[in-house]
Amino acid sequence: MERHEQLPVIVAKFFKESRDVNPYASAQTMRAFDQVIRNQLTDSLSRAANRWRSVYQEQGRLVGVPSRDHPFPRPEEMESLRHLKQLADNVSQMIAHIQALEAPGEDRVYHRIRNNDQILELVIDADYQLAMTAAALDDMVTKVSITTWRDLEPAFQERLEQLIQGMRNRSRIVSEVI
């Protein structure tokens, strides 16, 4: 699996390999695949965060430099600046949280208590759903500009909530004993 391949191709290759009698489709392979998906997920979200930051910087340029005639910017301009910064910070916070997500353990006691392979497949399915949501966020943010961000922001927030819910579901899968 190459890093430059698209996520659906990687997932299709993995599930084709894991359903066959493949000696390499082990728990370690599934853990590595989980990490590949999470890397793809954080890449998509990083692009989204960078786009929101660039819109924030464009809005900051429009606010301008204080002068003697106008020492303070208008309150609505400052509110939009704060809102854009909050959006970018929320996405960055999601990236940090995704990178810190746990994976099922590898020890034998853990494997005796749980069906490790089944949990890893469920985690990979959850990660795939997260990655598809993040890709949709990335596509949505490519259309964002200084003039259109207010129109696209509610849909972006809705997708971000879907991502948060998906992360909660993934955490629930890892933390439950099957």
Protein backbone atom coordinates (compact mmCIF):
# COMPACT_ATOMS: atom_id res chain seq x y z
CA MET A 1 0.00 0.00 0.00
CA GLU A 2 1.53 3.22 -1.13
CA ARG A 3 0.84 6.50 0.61
CA HIS A 4 0.01 8.23 -2.65
CA GLU A 5 -2.89 5.89 -3.40
CA GLN A 6 -6.42 7.11 -2.82
CA LEU A 7 -8.15 5.91 0.31
CA PRO A 8 -10.93 3.87 -1.41
CA VAL A 9 -8.28 1.97 -3.40
CA ILE A 10 -6.35 1.21 -0.21
CA VAL A 11 -9.50 0.04 1.57
CA ALA A 12 -10.55 -2.14 -1.37
CA LYS A 13 -7.09 -3.73 -1.50
CA PHE A 14 -7.14 -4.36 2.24
CA PHE A 15 -10.54 -6.01 2.32
CA LYS A 16 -9.69 -8.11 -0.71
CA GLU A 17 -6.50 -9.26 1.01
CA SER A 18 -8.05 -9.81 4.43
CA ARG A 19 -10.91 -11.94 3.08
CA ASP A 20 -8.50 -14.23 1.22
CA VAL A 21 -6.35 -16.74 3.00
CA ASN A 22 -3.52 -14.31 3.32
CA PRO A 23 -0.81 -14.96 5.90
CA TYR A 24 0.08 -11.26 5.88
CA ALA A 25 -3.42 -10.09 6.88
CA SER A 26 -2.67 -10.36 10.56
CA ALA A 27 -3.54 -8.16 13.50
CA GLN A 28 -0.31 -6.21 12.96
CA THR A 29 -1.32 -5.56 9.35
CA MET A 30 -4.73 -4.35 10.47
CA ARG A 31 -3.13 -2.03 13.05
CA ALA A 32 -0.84 -0.63 10.38
CA PHE A 33 -3.83 -0.19 8.07
CA ASP A 34 -5.69 1.64 10.83
CA GLN A 35 -2.75 4.03 11.06
CA VAL A 36 -2.70 4.55 7.27
CA ILE A 37 -6.38 5.51 7.32
CA ARG A 38 -5.87 7.87 10.26
CA ASN A 39 -2.95 9.51 8.43
CA GLN A 40 -5.17 10.04 5.38
CA LEU A 41 -7.84 11.45 7.68
CA THR A 42 -5.48 13.94 9.30
CA ASP A 43 -4.12 14.96 5.88
CA SER A 44 -7.62 15.89 4.72
CA LEU A 45 -8.34 17.79 7.91
CA SER A 46 -5.00 19.60 7.75
CA ARG A 47 -5.86 20.92 4.30
CA ALA A 48 -9.23 22.06 5.61
CA ALA A 49 -7.66 23.82 8.60
CA ASN A 50 -5.11 25.53 6.34
CA ARG A 51 -7.88 26.77 4.04
CA TRP A 52 -9.83 28.22 6.98
CA ARG A 53 -6.65 29.91 8.21
CA SER A 54 -6.05 31.45 4.77
CA VAL A 55 -9.63 32.82 4.73
CA TYR A 56 -8.97 34.16 8.25
CA GLN A 57 -5.83 35.91 7.02
CA GLU A 58 -7.68 37.38 4.02
CA GLN A 59 -10.37 38.69 6.36
CA GLY A 60 -7.65 40.14 8.59
CA ARG A 61 -6.24 42.04 5.62
CA LEU A 62 -9.68 43.47 4.89
CA VAL A 63 -9.97 44.74 8.46
CA GLY A 64 -6.85 46.76 7.85
CA VAL A 65 -4.43 48.63 10.03
CA PRO A 66 -5.71 51.04 12.69
CA SER A 67 -5.37 54.69 11.81
CA ARG A 68 -6.02 57.97 13.57
CA ASP A 69 -9.42 58.28 11.90
CA HIS A 70 -10.40 54.65 12.59
CA PRO A 71 -8.46 53.41 15.62
CA PHE A 72 -10.75 50.42 16.17
CA PRO A 73 -12.15 48.00 13.60
CA ARG A 74 -15.87 47.56 13.27
CA PRO A 75 -17.33 44.98 15.70
CA GLU A 76 -18.83 42.82 12.92
CA GLU A 77 -15.43 42.55 11.24
CA MET A 78 -13.82 41.48 14.50
CA GLU A 79 -16.61 38.97 15.15
CA SER A 80 -16.09 37.37 11.74
CA LEU A 81 -12.34 37.22 12.41
CA ARG A 82 -12.93 35.50 15.75
CA HIS A 83 -15.36 33.08 14.15
CA LEU A 84 -12.95 32.14 11.34
CA LYS A 85 -10.12 31.63 13.82
CA GLN A 86 -12.39 29.43 15.96
CA LEU A 87 -13.27 27.29 12.94
CA ALA A 88 -9.62 26.75 12.05
CA ASP A 89 -8.76 26.00 15.68
CA ASN A 90 -11.62 23.49 15.97
CA VAL A 91 -10.35 21.58 12.94
CA SER A 92 -6.79 21.62 14.30
CA GLN A 93 -8.08 20.32 17.62
CA MET A 94 -9.82 17.47 15.78
CA ILE A 95 -6.53 16.56 14.11
CA ALA A 96 -4.78 16.31 17.46
CA HIS A 97 -7.59 14.20 18.87
CA ILE A 98 -7.52 11.82 15.89
CA GLN A 99 -3.78 11.35 16.19
CA ALA A 100 -4.25 10.39 19.84
CA LEU A 101 -6.98 7.79 19.21
CA GLU A 102 -6.19 4.45 20.74
CA ALA A 103 -6.06 1.09 19.02
CA PRO A 104 -6.77 -2.31 20.59
CA GLY A 105 -3.81 -3.77 22.46
CA GLU A 106 -1.59 -6.59 21.29
CA ASP A 107 -1.00 -8.55 24.47
CA ARG A 108 -2.23 -12.13 24.92
CA VAL A 109 -4.44 -11.38 27.90
CA TYR A 110 -6.22 -8.72 25.92
CA HIS A 111 -6.64 -11.16 23.03
CA ARG A 112 -8.17 -13.77 25.36
CA ILE A 113 -10.72 -11.31 26.72
CA ARG A 114 -11.74 -9.89 23.35
CA ASN A 115 -11.96 -11.02 19.77
CA ASN A 116 -9.11 -8.80 18.62
CA ASP A 117 -9.48 -9.37 14.88
CA GLN A 118 -13.17 -8.55 14.93
CA ILE A 119 -12.55 -5.37 16.93
CA LEU A 120 -9.79 -4.32 14.54
CA GLU A 121 -12.10 -4.79 11.56
CA LEU A 122 -14.78 -2.70 13.29
CA VAL A 123 -12.19 -0.01 14.05
CA ILE A 124 -11.05 0.00 10.43
CA ASP A 125 -14.66 0.36 9.26
CA ALA A 126 -15.14 3.26 11.68
CA ASP A 127 -11.88 4.86 10.50
CA TYR A 128 -12.99 4.50 6.89
CA GLN A 129 -16.24 6.32 7.67
CA LEU A 130 -14.25 9.05 9.42
CA ALA A 131 -11.93 9.35 6.43
CA MET A 132 -14.85 9.68 4.00
CA THR A 133 -16.35 12.43 6.18
CA ALA A 134 -12.99 14.20 6.32
CA ALA A 135 -12.63 13.93 2.54
CA ALA A 136 -16.09 15.51 2.17
CA LEU A 137 -14.96 18.31 4.51
CA ASP A 138 -11.82 18.79 2.42
CA ASP A 139 -13.86 18.99 -0.80
CA MET A 140 -16.29 21.41 0.81
CA VAL A 141 -13.51 23.72 2.02
CA THR A 142 -11.96 24.02 -1.45
CA LYS A 143 -14.98 26.19 -2.36
CA VAL A 144 -14.53 28.50 0.64
CA SER A 145 -13.48 32.05 -0.05
CA ILE A 146 -13.70 35.36 1.72
CA THR A 147 -17.12 36.00 0.15
CA THR A 148 -18.68 32.51 0.47
CA TRP A 149 -17.53 31.29 3.87
CA ARG A 150 -20.71 32.35 5.67
CA ASP A 151 -22.84 30.30 3.28
CA LEU A 152 -20.69 27.17 3.57
CA GLU A 153 -20.01 27.36 7.29
CA PRO A 154 -23.29 25.72 8.52
CA ALA A 155 -22.78 22.69 6.25
CA PHE A 156 -19.16 22.50 7.37
CA GLN A 157 -20.19 22.57 11.04
CA GLU A 158 -22.71 19.79 10.37
CA ARG A 159 -20.01 17.59 8.79
CA LEU A 160 -17.68 18.39 11.67
CA GLU A 161 -20.36 17.16 14.08
CA GLN A 162 -20.63 13.95 12.03
CA LEU A 163 -16.89 13.55 12.42
CA ILE A 164 -17.11 14.05 16.18
CA GLN A 165 -19.91 11.47 16.41
CA GLY A 166 -17.86 9.02 14.32
CA MET A 167 -14.91 9.47 16.68
CA ARG A 168 -17.18 8.76 19.65
CA ASN A 169 -18.44 5.59 17.96
CA ARG A 170 -14.87 4.49 17.28
CA SER A 171 -13.88 5.09 20.90
CA ARG A 172 -16.91 3.11 22.02
CA ILE A 173 -15.84 0.17 19.82
CA VAL A 174 -12.33 0.15 21.29
CA SER A 175 -13.45 0.55 24.89
CA GLU A 176 -16.23 -2.06 24.95
CA VAL A 177 -15.53 -5.67 25.84
CA ILE A 178 -16.97 -8.09 23.30
